[in-house]
Amino acid sequence: MSDPTRRELGDFLRSRRERLTPAAIGMPPGRRRRTAGLRREEVAERAGIGVDWYIRLEQGRSVTPSATTVDALARALCLGAVEHAHLRALARAPDARRFVRETVPATVRRVIDALHLPAYVTGRRWDVLAWNDAAAEIFGFDRLPEADRNTLICVLTNPHARRLFGDGWAEEAKRMVEQFRATHDLWAGDPAFLDLLARLRAGCAEFQGWWEAHDVRNVAAGQKALTHPRHGVVRFDYVTFQANDDPALKLAIYTPA
């Protein structure tokens, strides 16, 4: 049985291949195509690798492409910078460690408590591990059971979040799914991540379509417009920082826009 990370690598390659049309790269359409996108042999030829080798990659077989091969595939599939980086990460030797929920150091907790701006700390699975009063006022983390203190669960399955984001909910939720996809693929098959996916599929009708697209995104800052039940429409600029002591921890800070 193939490694779950290798299956994600294969799925990512397939999804990029199927959306790349011959016309987009100046190729003649050739014989009739049963599905949209390039054929496997066309990608292999563009990358300068054997067709059988490429097929094994798409099938999620236990093979490890070299950095040169990964870069050649990125060029063949016309990947953007974020997609290229994701492909490189997937191609590395899988990490066999099991996910363990992170712990926030007391010093980090004191820092966020001292901030008057909304701030919270998340881990690799996007669990909300610590927050201050200003963040609780906006997002209601303190009113959620521990199992629901996860930014994906909050935004995608909680009716309060749908009201909070209003007309911008779908755009925000899709952005989060695309950003989380890059993290998930490196932990594919881990029970904690499988449990999270099951909850998202059950609680959000739109999730599966976004997930199957296998789009990835890397956004660390931006702006959000929220409709708060007491404060009305509020706009925030947000930015995230990694903790040097534990890069798995990310601090998000919101400032009024």
Protein backbone atom coordinates (compact mmCIF):
# COMPACT_ATOMS: atom_id res chain seq x y z
CA MET A 1 0.00 0.00 0.00
CA SER A 2 1.38 3.41 -0.94
CA ASP A 3 2.20 6.09 1.59
CA PRO A 4 -0.64 8.64 2.04
CA THR A 5 1.74 11.49 1.25
CA ARG A 6 2.70 9.78 -2.01
CA ARG A 7 -1.00 9.48 -2.86
CA GLU A 8 -1.39 13.22 -2.30
CA LEU A 9 1.62 13.80 -4.56
CA GLY A 10 -0.01 11.71 -7.28
CA ASP A 11 -3.36 13.44 -6.85
CA PHE A 12 -1.73 16.86 -7.02
CA LEU A 13 0.11 15.97 -10.24
CA ARG A 14 -3.08 14.60 -11.78
CA SER A 15 -5.11 17.67 -10.84
CA ARG A 16 -2.54 20.02 -12.40
CA ARG A 17 -2.27 17.87 -15.54
CA GLU A 18 -6.02 17.73 -16.08
CA ARG A 19 -6.42 21.50 -15.94
CA LEU A 20 -3.55 22.25 -18.35
CA THR A 21 -4.91 22.29 -21.90
CA PRO A 22 -2.80 21.84 -25.05
CA ALA A 23 -3.86 25.30 -26.24
CA ALA A 24 -2.48 26.88 -23.06
CA ILE A 25 1.04 25.68 -23.90
CA GLY A 26 0.83 26.09 -27.68
CA MET A 27 0.37 22.41 -28.49
CA PRO A 28 -1.89 21.21 -31.31
CA PRO A 29 -4.96 19.37 -29.95
CA GLY A 30 -3.98 16.12 -31.70
CA ARG A 31 -6.32 13.15 -31.63
CA ARG A 32 -9.61 13.32 -29.80
CA ARG A 33 -9.28 13.51 -26.01
CA ARG A 34 -11.60 11.66 -23.67
CA THR A 35 -10.93 14.12 -20.84
CA ALA A 36 -9.70 17.68 -20.58
CA GLY A 37 -6.06 18.42 -20.00
CA LEU A 38 -2.79 16.90 -21.12
CA ARG A 39 -2.16 13.19 -21.43
CA ARG A 40 0.33 11.51 -19.11
CA GLU A 41 2.72 10.82 -21.96
CA GLU A 42 2.65 14.50 -22.94
CA VAL A 43 3.62 15.58 -19.43
CA ALA A 44 6.38 12.98 -19.32
CA GLU A 45 7.75 14.14 -22.66
CA ARG A 46 7.70 17.80 -21.62
CA ALA A 47 9.49 16.90 -18.38
CA GLY A 48 12.02 14.64 -20.09
CA ILE A 49 11.19 11.56 -18.00
CA GLY A 50 9.85 8.10 -18.84
CA VAL A 51 6.10 7.64 -19.17
CA ASP A 52 6.11 4.62 -16.83
CA TRP A 53 7.98 6.64 -14.21
CA TYR A 54 5.46 9.47 -14.44
CA ILE A 55 2.53 7.05 -14.22
CA ARG A 56 4.02 5.57 -11.04
CA LEU A 57 4.19 9.07 -9.57
CA GLU A 58 0.55 9.80 -10.40
CA GLN A 59 -0.48 6.45 -8.97
CA GLY A 60 1.08 7.38 -5.64
CA ARG A 61 3.61 4.56 -5.80
CA SER A 62 6.55 4.51 -3.40
CA VAL A 63 9.04 6.29 -5.61
CA THR A 64 11.03 9.40 -4.74
CA PRO A 65 11.69 11.84 -7.60
CA SER A 66 14.90 13.83 -7.56
CA ALA A 67 14.90 17.61 -7.15
CA THR A 68 15.77 17.87 -10.84
CA THR A 69 12.75 15.77 -11.78
CA VAL A 70 10.46 17.79 -9.52
CA ASP A 71 11.62 21.03 -11.10
CA ALA A 72 11.17 19.55 -14.59
CA LEU A 73 7.60 18.50 -13.71
CA ALA A 74 6.86 21.98 -12.36
CA ARG A 75 7.95 23.48 -15.68
CA ALA A 76 6.04 20.88 -17.69
CA LEU A 77 2.84 21.57 -15.74
CA CYS A 78 3.36 25.36 -15.69
CA LEU A 79 3.13 25.49 -11.90
CA GLY A 80 3.17 28.76 -10.05
CA ALA A 81 5.65 29.44 -7.27
CA VAL A 82 3.36 28.21 -4.48
CA GLU A 83 2.42 25.06 -6.42
CA HIS A 84 6.10 24.38 -7.20
CA ALA A 85 7.02 24.70 -3.52
CA HIS A 86 4.17 22.35 -2.59
CA LEU A 87 5.33 19.77 -5.13
CA ARG A 88 8.85 19.92 -3.70
CA ALA A 89 7.52 19.42 -0.17
CA LEU A 90 5.42 16.42 -1.22
CA ALA A 91 8.36 14.84 -3.04
CA ARG A 92 10.56 14.76 0.06
CA ALA A 93 10.82 11.56 2.09
CA PRO A 94 7.57 11.21 4.11
CA ASP A 95 7.70 12.01 7.82
CA ALA A 96 6.51 8.94 9.76
CA ARG A 97 5.88 10.84 12.99
CA ARG A 98 2.35 10.91 14.36
CA PHE A 99 0.74 14.28 14.96
CA VAL A 100 0.79 15.51 18.56
CA ARG A 101 -1.17 18.57 19.57
CA GLU A 102 1.15 21.47 20.30
CA THR A 103 1.60 23.24 23.63
CA VAL A 104 1.85 27.01 23.86
CA PRO A 105 4.69 28.21 26.12
CA ALA A 106 3.71 30.43 29.02
CA THR A 107 5.81 33.29 27.62
CA VAL A 108 3.80 33.27 24.37
CA ARG A 109 0.55 33.24 26.34
CA ARG A 110 1.67 36.26 28.32
CA VAL A 111 2.54 38.12 25.11
CA ILE A 112 -0.91 37.63 23.56
CA ASP A 113 -2.64 38.43 26.87
CA ALA A 114 -0.78 41.74 26.94
CA LEU A 115 -1.99 42.73 23.46
CA HIS A 116 -5.07 44.93 23.22
CA LEU A 117 -5.58 43.74 19.63
CA PRO A 118 -7.33 40.43 18.80
CA ALA A 119 -4.65 37.72 18.75
CA TYR A 120 -4.58 33.94 18.88
CA VAL A 121 -2.16 31.04 18.37
CA THR A 122 -2.80 28.05 16.11
CA GLY A 123 -0.94 24.79 15.48
CA ARG A 124 -0.26 22.68 12.39
CA ARG A 125 -3.82 21.30 12.33
CA TRP A 126 -5.11 24.86 12.75
CA ASP A 127 -6.34 24.17 16.27
CA VAL A 128 -6.78 27.37 18.29
CA LEU A 129 -4.42 26.82 21.22
CA ALA A 130 -4.44 30.22 22.93
CA TRP A 131 -6.23 33.55 22.50
CA ASN A 132 -6.74 36.85 24.28
CA ASP A 133 -9.92 38.60 25.39
CA ALA A 134 -10.04 40.78 22.29
CA ALA A 135 -10.03 37.68 20.05
CA ALA A 136 -12.71 36.03 22.19
CA GLU A 137 -14.89 39.13 21.77
CA ILE A 138 -14.74 38.84 17.98
CA PHE A 139 -14.55 35.09 17.36
CA GLY A 140 -16.09 33.59 20.51
CA PHE A 141 -13.35 31.00 21.08
CA ASP A 142 -14.09 30.94 24.81
CA ARG A 143 -17.67 29.82 24.14
CA LEU A 144 -16.66 26.79 22.06
CA PRO A 145 -15.96 23.28 23.34
CA GLU A 146 -12.30 22.32 23.00
CA ALA A 147 -12.98 19.95 20.07
CA ASP A 148 -14.45 22.87 18.09
CA ARG A 149 -11.58 25.29 18.73
CA ASN A 150 -10.15 24.95 15.26
CA THR A 151 -10.24 27.76 12.72
CA LEU A 152 -11.46 25.48 9.92
CA ILE A 153 -14.21 23.98 12.07
CA CYS A 154 -15.19 27.45 13.24
CA VAL A 155 -15.41 29.06 9.81
CA LEU A 156 -16.70 26.16 7.71
CA THR A 157 -19.21 24.49 10.06
CA ASN A 158 -20.30 27.10 12.61
CA PRO A 159 -23.41 29.14 11.67
CA HIS A 160 -22.04 32.04 13.74
CA ALA A 161 -19.02 32.25 11.42
CA ARG A 162 -21.23 32.32 8.33
CA ARG A 163 -23.07 35.29 9.77
CA LEU A 164 -19.81 36.89 10.88
CA PHE A 165 -18.30 36.79 7.39
CA GLY A 166 -21.59 37.53 5.61
CA ASP A 167 -21.38 37.71 1.82
CA GLY A 168 -17.64 37.11 1.98
CA TRP A 169 -17.96 33.75 3.73
CA ALA A 170 -17.51 31.52 0.66
CA GLU A 171 -14.41 33.38 -0.51
CA GLU A 172 -12.85 33.27 2.95
CA ALA A 173 -13.71 29.60 3.52
CA LYS A 174 -12.31 28.56 0.13
CA ARG A 175 -9.12 30.54 0.79
CA MET A 176 -8.66 28.75 4.09
CA VAL A 177 -9.20 25.32 2.52
CA GLU A 178 -6.61 26.05 -0.16
CA GLN A 179 -4.12 27.29 2.41
CA PHE A 180 -4.72 24.31 4.70
CA ARG A 181 -4.36 21.85 1.79
CA ALA A 182 -0.63 22.53 1.64
CA THR A 183 -0.26 21.66 5.33
CA HIS A 184 -2.58 18.65 5.28
CA ASP A 185 -0.80 16.88 2.42
CA LEU A 186 2.34 16.54 4.54
CA TRP A 187 0.27 14.85 7.29
CA ALA A 188 -2.01 12.83 5.02
CA GLY A 189 -3.27 9.65 6.67
CA ASP A 190 -2.63 10.86 10.22
CA PRO A 191 -5.67 10.04 12.41
CA ALA A 192 -5.95 13.59 13.75
CA PHE A 193 -6.08 15.03 10.24
CA LEU A 194 -8.46 12.31 9.00
CA ASP A 195 -10.82 13.17 11.87
CA LEU A 196 -10.70 16.85 10.94
CA LEU A 197 -11.47 16.12 7.27
CA ALA A 198 -14.41 13.91 8.27
CA ARG A 199 -15.89 16.73 10.36
CA LEU A 200 -15.43 19.26 7.57
CA ARG A 201 -17.08 16.98 5.01
CA ALA A 202 -20.01 16.36 7.34
CA GLY A 203 -20.44 19.98 8.37
CA CYS A 204 -19.84 21.94 5.16
CA ALA A 205 -21.54 21.07 1.86
CA GLU A 206 -19.07 23.15 -0.15
CA PHE A 207 -15.94 21.62 1.37
CA GLN A 208 -15.57 18.50 -0.77
CA GLY A 209 -15.63 20.39 -4.07
CA TRP A 210 -12.96 22.80 -2.86
CA TRP A 211 -10.89 19.92 -1.49
CA GLU A 212 -11.00 17.84 -4.67
CA ALA A 213 -9.73 20.80 -6.71
CA HIS A 214 -6.43 20.38 -4.80
CA ASP A 215 -5.61 24.07 -5.07
CA VAL A 216 -2.92 25.36 -2.72
CA ARG A 217 -2.31 28.85 -1.47
CA ASN A 218 0.22 30.59 0.74
CA VAL A 219 -1.25 33.72 2.27
CA ALA A 220 0.11 35.04 5.55
CA ALA A 221 -1.59 38.45 5.61
CA GLY A 222 -4.68 40.18 4.29
CA GLN A 223 -7.90 41.93 5.27
CA LYS A 224 -11.20 40.66 6.60
CA ALA A 225 -14.58 42.37 6.83
CA LEU A 226 -16.76 40.96 9.60
CA THR A 227 -20.35 41.63 10.64
CA HIS A 228 -20.29 41.46 14.42
CA PRO A 229 -23.63 41.14 16.28
CA ARG A 230 -22.75 44.02 18.62
CA HIS A 231 -20.16 46.10 16.77
CA GLY A 232 -21.66 45.94 13.29
CA VAL A 233 -19.32 45.81 10.29
CA VAL A 234 -15.68 45.81 11.38
CA ARG A 235 -12.63 45.53 9.12
CA PHE A 236 -9.29 44.12 10.16
CA ASP A 237 -5.87 43.76 8.63
CA TYR A 238 -4.36 40.49 9.79
CA VAL A 239 -0.86 39.06 9.77
CA THR A 240 0.67 35.82 11.10
CA PHE A 241 4.05 35.06 12.64
CA GLN A 242 5.83 31.80 13.41
CA ALA A 243 7.30 31.18 16.85
CA ASN A 244 11.07 30.69 16.74
CA ASP A 245 10.98 28.20 19.63
CA ASP A 246 8.38 26.06 17.83
CA PRO A 247 7.72 26.88 14.14
CA ALA A 248 4.54 24.78 14.33
CA LEU A 249 2.96 27.62 16.32
CA LYS A 250 1.56 30.61 14.45
CA LEU A 251 0.50 33.86 16.05
CA ALA A 252 -2.28 35.77 14.25
CA ILE A 253 -2.81 39.45 15.08
CA TYR A 254 -5.70 41.61 13.85
CA THR A 255 -5.52 45.41 13.62
CA PRO A 256 -8.44 47.71 12.71
CA ALA A 257 -8.28 48.57 8.99
